Amino acid sequence: MSQVADELFVGLPTVRQLLGTGELRGFQVGGRGLWRVAVKDLEDYIERAYLKTAERVATGAVSEEDTSTILSTTTAQWGYPLPSPWECRGRPSAMRDLRERRSNL
């Protein structure tokens, strides 16, 4: 779960919530019920999140101020802005591209 949290830039409680609601697909294994999430399931979740965000932007539910705050935060943290929903729309490989860019830092 910590790898999923790292990829999504969120905490473990958020990942647990996503798994518990079924928003992020995963499964539990072993007697301790450890969670596992397949790369494909994580990429699918991210793709759905980008599409949902793009819809919110298109309807005006996300303000210009919201997006500029996110851009400045991610640029400061990673040295480059994260791809926008428009750049990744319809591109399931967006997460792989982002991972590759991060590993080259």
PDB file of N, CA and C in Angstrom:
ATOM      1  N   MET A   1       0.802  -1.187   0.000  1.00  0.00           N
ATOM      2  CA  MET A   1       0.000   0.000   0.000  1.00  0.00           C
ATOM      3  C   MET A   1       0.851   1.260   0.000  1.00  0.00           C
ATOM      4  N   SER A   2       2.028   1.189   0.593  1.00  0.00           N
ATOM      5  CA  SER A   2       2.878   2.378   0.630  1.00  0.00           C
ATOM      6  C   SER A   2       3.329   2.779  -0.774  1.00  0.00           C
ATOM      7  N   GLN A   3       3.524   1.812  -1.654  1.00  0.00           N
ATOM      8  CA  GLN A   3       3.897   2.139  -3.034  1.00  0.00           C
ATOM      9  C   GLN A   3       2.753   2.860  -3.743  1.00  0.00           C
ATOM     10  N   VAL A   4       1.537   2.426  -3.494  1.00  0.00           N
ATOM     11  CA  VAL A   4       0.364   3.083  -4.073  1.00  0.00           C
ATOM     12  C   VAL A   4       0.272   4.511  -3.539  1.00  0.00           C
ATOM     13  N   ALA A   5       0.465   4.673  -2.243  1.00  0.00           N
ATOM     14  CA  ALA A   5       0.421   6.009  -1.636  1.00  0.00           C
ATOM     15  C   ALA A   5       1.480   6.919  -2.253  1.00  0.00           C
ATOM     16  N   ASP A   6       2.678   6.382  -2.463  1.00  0.00           N
ATOM     17  CA  ASP A   6       3.752   7.163  -3.090  1.00  0.00           C
ATOM     18  C   ASP A   6       3.380   7.578  -4.504  1.00  0.00           C
ATOM     19  N   GLU A   7       2.829   6.667  -5.273  1.00  0.00           N
ATOM     20  CA  GLU A   7       2.458   6.960  -6.660  1.00  0.00           C
ATOM     21  C   GLU A   7       1.369   8.023  -6.742  1.00  0.00           C
ATOM     22  N   LEU A   8       0.433   7.996  -5.787  1.00  0.00           N
ATOM     23  CA  LEU A   8      -0.682   8.941  -5.808  1.00  0.00           C
ATOM     24  C   LEU A   8      -0.386  10.220  -5.033  1.00  0.00           C
ATOM     25  N   PHE A   9       0.767  10.266  -4.347  1.00  0.00           N
ATOM     26  CA  PHE A   9       1.137  11.418  -3.519  1.00  0.00           C
ATOM     27  C   PHE A   9       0.102  11.660  -2.420  1.00  0.00           C
ATOM     28  N   VAL A  10      -0.328  10.588  -1.769  1.00  0.00           N
ATOM     29  CA  VAL A  10      -1.300  10.656  -0.671  1.00  0.00           C
ATOM     30  C   VAL A  10      -0.805   9.801   0.486  1.00  0.00           C
ATOM     31  N   GLY A  11      -1.491   9.865   1.604  1.00  0.00           N
ATOM     32  CA  GLY A  11      -1.143   9.059   2.763  1.00  0.00           C
ATOM     33  C   GLY A  11      -1.820   7.694   2.738  1.00  0.00           C
ATOM     34  N   LEU A  12      -1.358   6.811   3.603  1.00  0.00           N
ATOM     35  CA  LEU A  12      -1.935   5.470   3.703  1.00  0.00           C
ATOM     36  C   LEU A  12      -3.424   5.477   4.058  1.00  0.00           C
ATOM     37  N   PRO A  13      -3.881   6.402   4.929  1.00  0.00           N
ATOM     38  CA  PRO A  13      -5.321   6.415   5.217  1.00  0.00           C
ATOM     39  C   PRO A  13      -6.168   6.669   3.958  1.00  0.00           C
ATOM     40  N   THR A  14      -5.676   7.493   3.066  1.00  0.00           N
ATOM     41  CA  THR A  14      -6.408   7.761   1.826  1.00  0.00           C
ATOM     42  C   THR A  14      -6.469   6.513   0.956  1.00  0.00           C
ATOM     43  N   VAL A  15      -5.354   5.787   0.876  1.00  0.00           N
ATOM     44  CA  VAL A  15      -5.328   4.548   0.085  1.00  0.00           C
ATOM     45  C   VAL A  15      -6.293   3.534   0.695  1.00  0.00           C
ATOM     46  N   ARG A  16      -6.290   3.417   2.028  1.00  0.00           N
ATOM     47  CA  ARG A  16      -7.219   2.491   2.696  1.00  0.00           C
ATOM     48  C   ARG A  16      -8.672   2.855   2.383  1.00  0.00           C
ATOM     49  N   GLN A  17      -8.964   4.152   2.399  1.00  0.00           N
ATOM     50  CA  GLN A  17     -10.320   4.602   2.100  1.00  0.00           C
ATOM     51  C   GLN A  17     -10.702   4.260   0.659  1.00  0.00           C
ATOM     52  N   LEU A  18      -9.793   4.508  -0.284  1.00  0.00           N
ATOM     53  CA  LEU A  18     -10.067   4.193  -1.688  1.00  0.00           C
ATOM     54  C   LEU A  18     -10.319   2.695  -1.873  1.00  0.00           C
ATOM     55  N   LEU A  19      -9.527   1.873  -1.206  1.00  0.00           N
ATOM     56  CA  LEU A  19      -9.715   0.423  -1.297  1.00  0.00           C
ATOM     57  C   LEU A  19     -11.019   0.000  -0.620  1.00  0.00           C
ATOM     58  N   GLY A  20     -11.296   0.577   0.540  1.00  0.00           N
ATOM     59  CA  GLY A  20     -12.491   0.218   1.288  1.00  0.00           C
ATOM     60  C   GLY A  20     -13.782   0.564   0.570  1.00  0.00           C
ATOM     61  N   THR A  21     -13.765   1.658  -0.194  1.00  0.00           N
ATOM     62  CA  THR A  21     -14.970   2.059  -0.938  1.00  0.00           C
ATOM     63  C   THR A  21     -15.062   1.372  -2.295  1.00  0.00           C
ATOM     64  N   GLY A  22     -13.977   0.717  -2.702  1.00  0.00           N
ATOM     65  CA  GLY A  22     -13.964   0.066  -4.008  1.00  0.00           C
ATOM     66  C   GLY A  22     -13.603   0.999  -5.138  1.00  0.00           C
ATOM     67  N   GLU A  23     -13.322   2.252  -4.810  1.00  0.00           N
ATOM     68  CA  GLU A  23     -12.929   3.212  -5.846  1.00  0.00           C
ATOM     69  C   GLU A  23     -11.601   2.795  -6.489  1.00  0.00           C
ATOM     70  N   LEU A  24     -10.707   2.241  -5.676  1.00  0.00           N
ATOM     71  CA  LEU A  24      -9.454   1.665  -6.166  1.00  0.00           C
ATOM     72  C   LEU A  24      -9.579   0.163  -5.984  1.00  0.00           C
ATOM     73  N   ARG A  25      -9.373  -0.559  -7.056  1.00  0.00           N
ATOM     74  CA  ARG A  25      -9.511  -2.015  -7.014  1.00  0.00           C
ATOM     75  C   ARG A  25      -8.257  -2.655  -6.422  1.00  0.00           C
ATOM     76  N   GLY A  26      -8.457  -3.592  -5.516  1.00  0.00           N
ATOM     77  CA  GLY A  26      -7.361  -4.317  -4.908  1.00  0.00           C
ATOM     78  C   GLY A  26      -7.895  -5.601  -4.287  1.00  0.00           C
ATOM     79  N   PHE A  27      -6.997  -6.366  -3.691  1.00  0.00           N
ATOM     80  CA  PHE A  27      -7.418  -7.602  -3.031  1.00  0.00           C
ATOM     81  C   PHE A  27      -6.547  -7.837  -1.812  1.00  0.00           C
ATOM     82  N   GLN A  28      -7.090  -8.612  -0.877  1.00  0.00           N
ATOM     83  CA  GLN A  28      -6.364  -8.931   0.338  1.00  0.00           C
ATOM     84  C   GLN A  28      -5.829 -10.355   0.255  1.00  0.00           C
ATOM     85  N   VAL A  29      -4.615 -10.535   0.769  1.00  0.00           N
ATOM     86  CA  VAL A  29      -3.992 -11.859   0.760  1.00  0.00           C
ATOM     87  C   VAL A  29      -3.469 -12.197   2.149  1.00  0.00           C
ATOM     88  N   GLY A  30      -3.355 -13.476   2.394  1.00  0.00           N
ATOM     89  CA  GLY A  30      -2.746 -13.961   3.627  1.00  0.00           C
ATOM     90  C   GLY A  30      -3.617 -13.791   4.852  1.00  0.00           C
ATOM     91  N   GLY A  31      -3.139 -14.372   5.930  1.00  0.00           N
ATOM     92  CA  GLY A  31      -3.865 -14.341   7.193  1.00  0.00           C
ATOM     93  C   GLY A  31      -3.967 -12.950   7.794  1.00  0.00           C
ATOM     94  N   ARG A  32      -3.023 -12.081   7.454  1.00  0.00           N
ATOM     95  CA  ARG A  32      -3.043 -10.719   7.990  1.00  0.00           C
ATOM     96  C   ARG A  32      -3.838  -9.770   7.103  1.00  0.00           C
ATOM     97  N   GLY A  33      -4.322 -10.262   5.974  1.00  0.00           N
ATOM     98  CA  GLY A  33      -5.160  -9.440   5.097  1.00  0.00           C
ATOM     99  C   GLY A  33      -4.435  -8.278   4.453  1.00  0.00           C
ATOM    100  N   LEU A  34      -3.178  -8.500   4.045  1.00  0.00           N
ATOM    101  CA  LEU A  34      -2.423  -7.438   3.381  1.00  0.00           C
ATOM    102  C   LEU A  34      -3.049  -7.115   2.028  1.00  0.00           C
ATOM    103  N   TRP A  35      -3.103  -5.836   1.709  1.00  0.00           N
ATOM    104  CA  TRP A  35      -3.688  -5.402   0.438  1.00  0.00           C
ATOM    105  C   TRP A  35      -2.667  -5.440  -0.675  1.00  0.00           C
ATOM    106  N   ARG A  36      -3.109  -5.828  -1.841  1.00  0.00           N
ATOM    107  CA  ARG A  36      -2.312  -5.798  -3.067  1.00  0.00           C
ATOM    108  C   ARG A  36      -3.118  -5.079  -4.132  1.00  0.00           C
ATOM    109  N   VAL A  37      -2.435  -4.234  -4.891  1.00  0.00           N
ATOM    110  CA  VAL A  37      -3.067  -3.504  -5.990  1.00  0.00           C
ATOM    111  C   VAL A  37      -2.219  -3.738  -7.230  1.00  0.00           C
ATOM    112  N   ALA A  38      -2.848  -4.225  -8.287  1.00  0.00           N
ATOM    113  CA  ALA A  38      -2.135  -4.456  -9.539  1.00  0.00           C
ATOM    114  C   ALA A  38      -1.839  -3.109 -10.208  1.00  0.00           C
ATOM    115  N   VAL A  39      -0.728  -3.045 -10.920  1.00  0.00           N
ATOM    116  CA  VAL A  39      -0.339  -1.824 -11.633  1.00  0.00           C
ATOM    117  C   VAL A  39      -1.465  -1.367 -12.563  1.00  0.00           C
ATOM    118  N   LYS A  40      -2.072  -2.310 -13.255  1.00  0.00           N
ATOM    119  CA  LYS A  40      -3.167  -1.987 -14.180  1.00  0.00           C
ATOM    120  C   LYS A  40      -4.331  -1.346 -13.439  1.00  0.00           C
ATOM    121  N   ASP A  41      -4.666  -1.864 -12.254  1.00  0.00           N
ATOM    122  CA  ASP A  41      -5.758  -1.293 -11.470  1.00  0.00           C
ATOM    123  C   ASP A  41      -5.437   0.128 -11.008  1.00  0.00           C
ATOM    124  N   LEU A  42      -4.182   0.360 -10.635  1.00  0.00           N
ATOM    125  CA  LEU A  42      -3.762   1.707 -10.237  1.00  0.00           C
ATOM    126  C   LEU A  42      -3.820   2.656 -11.432  1.00  0.00           C
ATOM    127  N   GLU A  43      -3.329   2.210 -12.568  1.00  0.00           N
ATOM    128  CA  GLU A  43      -3.373   3.043 -13.781  1.00  0.00           C
ATOM    129  C   GLU A  43      -4.813   3.336 -14.194  1.00  0.00           C
ATOM    130  N   ASP A  44      -5.705   2.360 -14.061  1.00  0.00           N
ATOM    131  CA  ASP A  44      -7.121   2.572 -14.373  1.00  0.00           C
ATOM    132  C   ASP A  44      -7.734   3.612 -13.441  1.00  0.00           C
ATOM    133  N   TYR A  45      -7.408   3.524 -12.157  1.00  0.00           N
ATOM    134  CA  TYR A  45      -7.916   4.491 -11.191  1.00  0.00           C
ATOM    135  C   TYR A  45      -7.443   5.901 -11.559  1.00  0.00           C
ATOM    136  N   ILE A  46      -6.164   6.027 -11.888  1.00  0.00           N
ATOM    137  CA  ILE A  46      -5.609   7.338 -12.237  1.00  0.00           C
ATOM    138  C   ILE A  46      -6.269   7.881 -13.501  1.00  0.00           C
ATOM    139  N   GLU A  47      -6.477   7.032 -14.487  1.00  0.00           N
ATOM    140  CA  GLU A  47      -7.139   7.453 -15.721  1.00  0.00           C
ATOM    141  C   GLU A  47      -8.551   7.964 -15.415  1.00  0.00           C
ATOM    142  N   ARG A  48      -9.293   7.240 -14.575  1.00  0.00           N
ATOM    143  CA  ARG A  48     -10.643   7.684 -14.198  1.00  0.00           C
ATOM    144  C   ARG A  48     -10.588   9.020 -13.456  1.00  0.00           C
ATOM    145  N   ALA A  49      -9.585   9.181 -12.595  1.00  0.00           N
ATOM    146  CA  ALA A  49      -9.449  10.430 -11.846  1.00  0.00           C
ATOM    147  C   ALA A  49      -9.151  11.597 -12.784  1.00  0.00           C
ATOM    148  N   TYR A  50      -8.302  11.376 -13.785  1.00  0.00           N
ATOM    149  CA  TYR A  50      -8.023  12.434 -14.772  1.00  0.00           C
ATOM    150  C   TYR A  50      -9.287  12.805 -15.541  1.00  0.00           C
ATOM    151  N   LEU A  51     -10.046  11.817 -15.957  1.00  0.00           N
ATOM    152  CA  LEU A  51     -11.278  12.095 -16.701  1.00  0.00           C
ATOM    153  C   LEU A  51     -12.287  12.849 -15.829  1.00  0.00           C
ATOM    154  N   LYS A  52     -12.406  12.427 -14.579  1.00  0.00           N
ATOM    155  CA  LYS A  52     -13.319  13.098 -13.652  1.00  0.00           C
ATOM    156  C   LYS A  52     -12.886  14.551 -13.441  1.00  0.00           C
ATOM    157  N   THR A  53     -11.590  14.772 -13.299  1.00  0.00           N
ATOM    158  CA  THR A  53     -11.079  16.128 -13.113  1.00  0.00           C
ATOM    159  C   THR A  53     -11.313  16.972 -14.357  1.00  0.00           C
ATOM    160  N   ALA A  54     -11.077  16.387 -15.527  1.00  0.00           N
ATOM    161  CA  ALA A  54     -11.306  17.124 -16.771  1.00  0.00           C
ATOM    162  C   ALA A  54     -12.770  17.538 -16.896  1.00  0.00           C
ATOM    163  N   GLU A  55     -13.685  16.657 -16.488  1.00  0.00           N
ATOM    164  CA  GLU A  55     -15.112  16.986 -16.513  1.00  0.00           C
ATOM    165  C   GLU A  55     -15.415  18.129 -15.551  1.00  0.00           C
ATOM    166  N   ARG A  56     -14.805  18.084 -14.370  1.00  0.00           N
ATOM    167  CA  ARG A  56     -15.020  19.150 -13.382  1.00  0.00           C
ATOM    168  C   ARG A  56     -14.472  20.476 -13.892  1.00  0.00           C
ATOM    169  N   VAL A  57     -13.321  20.446 -14.551  1.00  0.00           N
ATOM    170  CA  VAL A  57     -12.746  21.665 -15.118  1.00  0.00           C
ATOM    171  C   VAL A  57     -13.666  22.206 -16.209  1.00  0.00           C
ATOM    172  N   ALA A  58     -14.153  21.319 -17.066  1.00  0.00           N
ATOM    173  CA  ALA A  58     -15.013  21.727 -18.177  1.00  0.00           C
ATOM    174  C   ALA A  58     -16.314  22.361 -17.694  1.00  0.00           C
ATOM    175  N   THR A  59     -16.832  21.905 -16.560  1.00  0.00           N
ATOM    176  CA  THR A  59     -18.083  22.451 -16.037  1.00  0.00           C
ATOM    177  C   THR A  59     -17.861  23.635 -15.112  1.00  0.00           C
ATOM    178  N   GLY A  60     -16.598  23.985 -14.884  1.00  0.00           N
ATOM    179  CA  GLY A  60     -16.290  25.126 -14.022  1.00  0.00           C
ATOM    180  C   GLY A  60     -16.255  24.797 -12.550  1.00  0.00           C
ATOM    181  N   ALA A  61     -16.303  23.528 -12.195  1.00  0.00           N
ATOM    182  CA  ALA A  61     -16.281  23.133 -10.787  1.00  0.00           C
ATOM    183  C   ALA A  61     -14.895  23.282 -10.171  1.00  0.00           C
ATOM    184  N   VAL A  62     -13.853  23.387 -11.001  1.00  0.00           N
ATOM    185  CA  VAL A  62     -12.481  23.604 -10.528  1.00  0.00           C
ATOM    186  C   VAL A  62     -12.067  24.979 -11.018  1.00  0.00           C
ATOM    187  N   SER A  63     -11.651  25.839 -10.094  1.00  0.00           N
ATOM    188  CA  SER A  63     -11.294  27.206 -10.465  1.00  0.00           C
ATOM    189  C   SER A  63      -9.854  27.283 -10.963  1.00  0.00           C
ATOM    190  N   GLU A  64      -9.547  28.370 -11.620  1.00  0.00           N
ATOM    191  CA  GLU A  64      -8.179  28.644 -12.095  1.00  0.00           C
ATOM    192  C   GLU A  64      -7.222  28.665 -10.913  1.00  0.00           C
ATOM    193  N   GLU A  65      -7.670  29.221  -9.778  1.00  0.00           N
ATOM    194  CA  GLU A  65      -6.842  29.300  -8.582  1.00  0.00           C
ATOM    195  C   GLU A  65      -6.467  27.906  -8.083  1.00  0.00           C
ATOM    196  N   ASP A  66      -7.430  26.973  -8.099  1.00  0.00           N
ATOM    197  CA  ASP A  66      -7.161  25.601  -7.671  1.00  0.00           C
ATOM    198  C   ASP A  66      -6.055  24.981  -8.503  1.00  0.00           C
ATOM    199  N   THR A  67      -6.143  25.110  -9.833  1.00  0.00           N
ATOM    200  CA  THR A  67      -5.158  24.473 -10.701  1.00  0.00           C
ATOM    201  C   THR A  67      -3.793  25.139 -10.589  1.00  0.00           C
ATOM    202  N   SER A  68      -3.728  26.458 -10.388  1.00  0.00           N
ATOM    203  CA  SER A  68      -2.430  27.122 -10.260  1.00  0.00           C
ATOM    204  C   SER A  68      -1.750  26.738  -8.955  1.00  0.00           C
ATOM    205  N   THR A  69      -2.527  26.532  -7.888  1.00  0.00           N
ATOM    206  CA  THR A  69      -1.953  26.087  -6.614  1.00  0.00           C
ATOM    207  C   THR A  69      -1.361  24.693  -6.756  1.00  0.00           C
ATOM    208  N   ILE A  70      -2.082  23.803  -7.420  1.00  0.00           N
ATOM    209  CA  ILE A  70      -1.595  22.442  -7.627  1.00  0.00           C
ATOM    210  C   ILE A  70      -0.324  22.459  -8.461  1.00  0.00           C
ATOM    211  N   LEU A  71      -0.305  23.244  -9.527  1.00  0.00           N
ATOM    212  CA  LEU A  71       0.882  23.316 -10.390  1.00  0.00           C
ATOM    213  C   LEU A  71       2.094  23.821  -9.635  1.00  0.00           C
ATOM    214  N   SER A  72       1.946  24.898  -8.855  1.00  0.00           N
ATOM    215  CA  SER A  72       3.100  25.439  -8.140  1.00  0.00           C
ATOM    216  C   SER A  72       3.592  24.472  -7.076  1.00  0.00           C
ATOM    217  N   THR A  73       2.676  23.747  -6.419  1.00  0.00           N
ATOM    218  CA  THR A  73       3.067  22.776  -5.392  1.00  0.00           C
ATOM    219  C   THR A  73       3.835  21.612  -6.005  1.00  0.00           C
ATOM    220  N   THR A  74       3.334  21.051  -7.093  1.00  0.00           N
ATOM    221  CA  THR A  74       4.022  19.908  -7.690  1.00  0.00           C
ATOM    222  C   THR A  74       5.324  20.317  -8.341  1.00  0.00           C
ATOM    223  N   THR A  75       5.377  21.526  -8.896  1.00  0.00           N
ATOM    224  CA  THR A  75       6.628  22.000  -9.491  1.00  0.00           C
ATOM    225  C   THR A  75       7.687  22.157  -8.410  1.00  0.00           C
ATOM    226  N   ALA A  76       7.307  22.724  -7.271  1.00  0.00           N
ATOM    227  CA  ALA A  76       8.258  22.901  -6.174  1.00  0.00           C
ATOM    228  C   ALA A  76       8.722  21.561  -5.624  1.00  0.00           C
ATOM    229  N   GLN A  77       7.801  20.597  -5.538  1.00  0.00           N
ATOM    230  CA  GLN A  77       8.139  19.305  -4.953  1.00  0.00           C
ATOM    231  C   GLN A  77       8.979  18.446  -5.890  1.00  0.00           C
ATOM    232  N   TRP A  78       8.636  18.413  -7.177  1.00  0.00           N
ATOM    233  CA  TRP A  78       9.279  17.481  -8.096  1.00  0.00           C
ATOM    234  C   TRP A  78      10.179  18.140  -9.138  1.00  0.00           C
ATOM    235  N   GLY A  79      10.154  19.471  -9.222  1.00  0.00           N
ATOM    236  CA  GLY A  79      11.002  20.148 -10.192  1.00  0.00           C
ATOM    237  C   GLY A  79      10.347  20.306 -11.552  1.00  0.00           C
ATOM    238  N   TYR A  80       9.144  19.818 -11.715  1.00  0.00           N
ATOM    239  CA  TYR A  80       8.371  19.973 -12.950  1.00  0.00           C
ATOM    240  C   TYR A  80       6.909  19.778 -12.603  1.00  0.00           C
ATOM    241  N   PRO A  81       6.019  20.370 -13.363  1.00  0.00           N
ATOM    242  CA  PRO A  81       4.598  20.169 -13.064  1.00  0.00           C
ATOM    243  C   PRO A  81       4.137  18.781 -13.470  1.00  0.00           C
ATOM    244  N   LEU A  82       3.192  18.244 -12.735  1.00  0.00           N
ATOM    245  CA  LEU A  82       2.573  16.984 -13.135  1.00  0.00           C
ATOM    246  C   LEU A  82       1.779  17.219 -14.416  1.00  0.00           C
ATOM    247  N   PRO A  83       1.606  16.208 -15.227  1.00  0.00           N
ATOM    248  CA  PRO A  83       0.807  16.386 -16.442  1.00  0.00           C
ATOM    249  C   PRO A  83      -0.622  16.780 -16.086  1.00  0.00           C
ATOM    250  N   SER A  84      -1.187  17.632 -16.904  1.00  0.00           N
ATOM    251  CA  SER A  84      -2.563  18.056 -16.654  1.00  0.00           C
ATOM    252  C   SER A  84      -3.525  16.969 -17.127  1.00  0.00           C
ATOM    253  N   PRO A  85      -4.785  17.053 -16.695  1.00  0.00           N
ATOM    254  CA  PRO A  85      -5.763  16.079 -17.182  1.00  0.00           C
ATOM    255  C   PRO A  85      -5.880  16.091 -18.697  1.00  0.00           C
ATOM    256  N   TRP A  86      -5.673  17.251 -19.308  1.00  0.00           N
ATOM    257  CA  TRP A  86      -5.787  17.351 -20.764  1.00  0.00           C
ATOM    258  C   TRP A  86      -4.639  16.625 -21.460  1.00  0.00           C
ATOM    259  N   GLU A  87      -3.447  16.699 -20.864  1.00  0.00           N
ATOM    260  CA  GLU A  87      -2.288  16.027 -21.458  1.00  0.00           C
ATOM    261  C   GLU A  87      -2.407  14.511 -21.361  1.00  0.00           C
ATOM    262  N   CYS A  88      -3.062  14.004 -20.323  1.00  0.00           N
ATOM    263  CA  CYS A  88      -3.112  12.566 -20.077  1.00  0.00           C
ATOM    264  C   CYS A  88      -4.418  11.927 -20.518  1.00  0.00           C
ATOM    265  N   ARG A  89      -5.362  12.718 -20.931  1.00  0.00           N
ATOM    266  CA  ARG A  89      -6.673  12.189 -21.305  1.00  0.00           C
ATOM    267  C   ARG A  89      -6.546  11.172 -22.422  1.00  0.00           C
ATOM    268  N   GLY A  90      -7.095   9.992 -22.190  1.00  0.00           N
ATOM    269  CA  GLY A  90      -7.045   8.939 -23.193  1.00  0.00           C
ATOM    270  C   GLY A  90      -5.687   8.278 -23.317  1.00  0.00           C
ATOM    271  N   ARG A  91      -4.801   8.534 -22.363  1.00  0.00           N
ATOM    272  CA  ARG A  91      -3.462   7.950 -22.409  1.00  0.00           C
ATOM    273  C   ARG A  91      -3.226   7.111 -21.159  1.00  0.00           C
ATOM    274  N   PRO A  92      -3.529   5.829 -21.212  1.00  0.00           N
ATOM    275  CA  PRO A  92      -3.311   4.988 -20.041  1.00  0.00           C
ATOM    276  C   PRO A  92      -1.848   4.916 -19.623  1.00  0.00           C
ATOM    277  N   SER A  93      -0.951   5.277 -20.531  1.00  0.00           N
ATOM    278  CA  SER A  93       0.475   5.195 -20.211  1.00  0.00           C
ATOM    279  C   SER A  93       0.959   6.432 -19.458  1.00  0.00           C
ATOM    280  N   ALA A  94       0.063   7.355 -19.118  1.00  0.00           N
ATOM    281  CA  ALA A  94       0.471   8.593 -18.456  1.00  0.00           C
ATOM    282  C   ALA A  94       1.217   8.325 -17.155  1.00  0.00           C
ATOM    283  N   MET A  95       0.758   7.355 -16.373  1.00  0.00           N
ATOM    284  CA  MET A  95       1.427   7.050 -15.108  1.00  0.00           C
ATOM    285  C   MET A  95       2.831   6.523 -15.355  1.00  0.00           C
ATOM    286  N   ARG A  96       2.980   5.672 -16.361  1.00  0.00           N
ATOM    287  CA  ARG A  96       4.321   5.163 -16.677  1.00  0.00           C
ATOM    288  C   ARG A  96       5.237   6.313 -17.098  1.00  0.00           C
ATOM    289  N   ASP A  97       4.726   7.252 -17.891  1.00  0.00           N
ATOM    290  CA  ASP A  97       5.523   8.407 -18.314  1.00  0.00           C
ATOM    291  C   ASP A  97       5.969   9.224 -17.105  1.00  0.00           C
ATOM    292  N   LEU A  98       5.028   9.455 -16.189  1.00  0.00           N
ATOM    293  CA  LEU A  98       5.331  10.229 -14.997  1.00  0.00           C
ATOM    294  C   LEU A  98       6.381   9.528 -14.145  1.00  0.00           C
ATOM    295  N   ARG A  99       6.216   8.214 -13.971  1.00  0.00           N
ATOM    296  CA  ARG A  99       7.184   7.434 -13.198  1.00  0.00           C
ATOM    297  C   ARG A  99       8.578   7.522 -13.808  1.00  0.00           C
ATOM    298  N   GLU A 100       8.647   7.445 -15.132  1.00  0.00           N
ATOM    299  CA  GLU A 100       9.935   7.520 -15.820  1.00  0.00           C
ATOM    300  C   GLU A 100      10.570   8.890 -15.634  1.00  0.00           C
ATOM    301  N   ARG A 101       9.776   9.944 -15.731  1.00  0.00           N
ATOM    302  CA  ARG A 101      10.301  11.286 -15.544  1.00  0.00           C
ATOM    303  C   ARG A 101      10.838  11.457 -14.136  1.00  0.00           C
ATOM    304  N   ARG A 102      10.120  10.915 -13.128  1.00  0.00           N
ATOM    305  CA  ARG A 102      10.575  11.032 -11.747  1.00  0.00           C
ATOM    306  C   ARG A 102      11.873  10.270 -11.534  1.00  0.00           C
ATOM    307  N   SER A 103      12.002   9.094 -12.135  1.00  0.00           N
ATOM    308  CA  SER A 103      13.201   8.283 -11.914  1.00  0.00           C
ATOM    309  C   SER A 103      14.432   8.892 -12.567  1.00  0.00           C
ATOM    310  N   ASN A 104      14.234   9.780 -13.530  1.00  0.00           N
ATOM    311  CA  ASN A 104      15.365  10.417 -14.208  1.00  0.00           C
ATOM    312  C   ASN A 104      15.852  11.677 -13.499  1.00  0.00           C
ATOM    313  N   LEU A 105      15.212  12.052 -12.386  1.00  0.00           N
ATOM    314  CA  LEU A 105      15.639  13.239 -11.654  1.00  0.00           C
ATOM    315  C   LEU A 105      16.930  13.014 -10.922  1.00  0.00           C
TER     316      LEU A 105
END
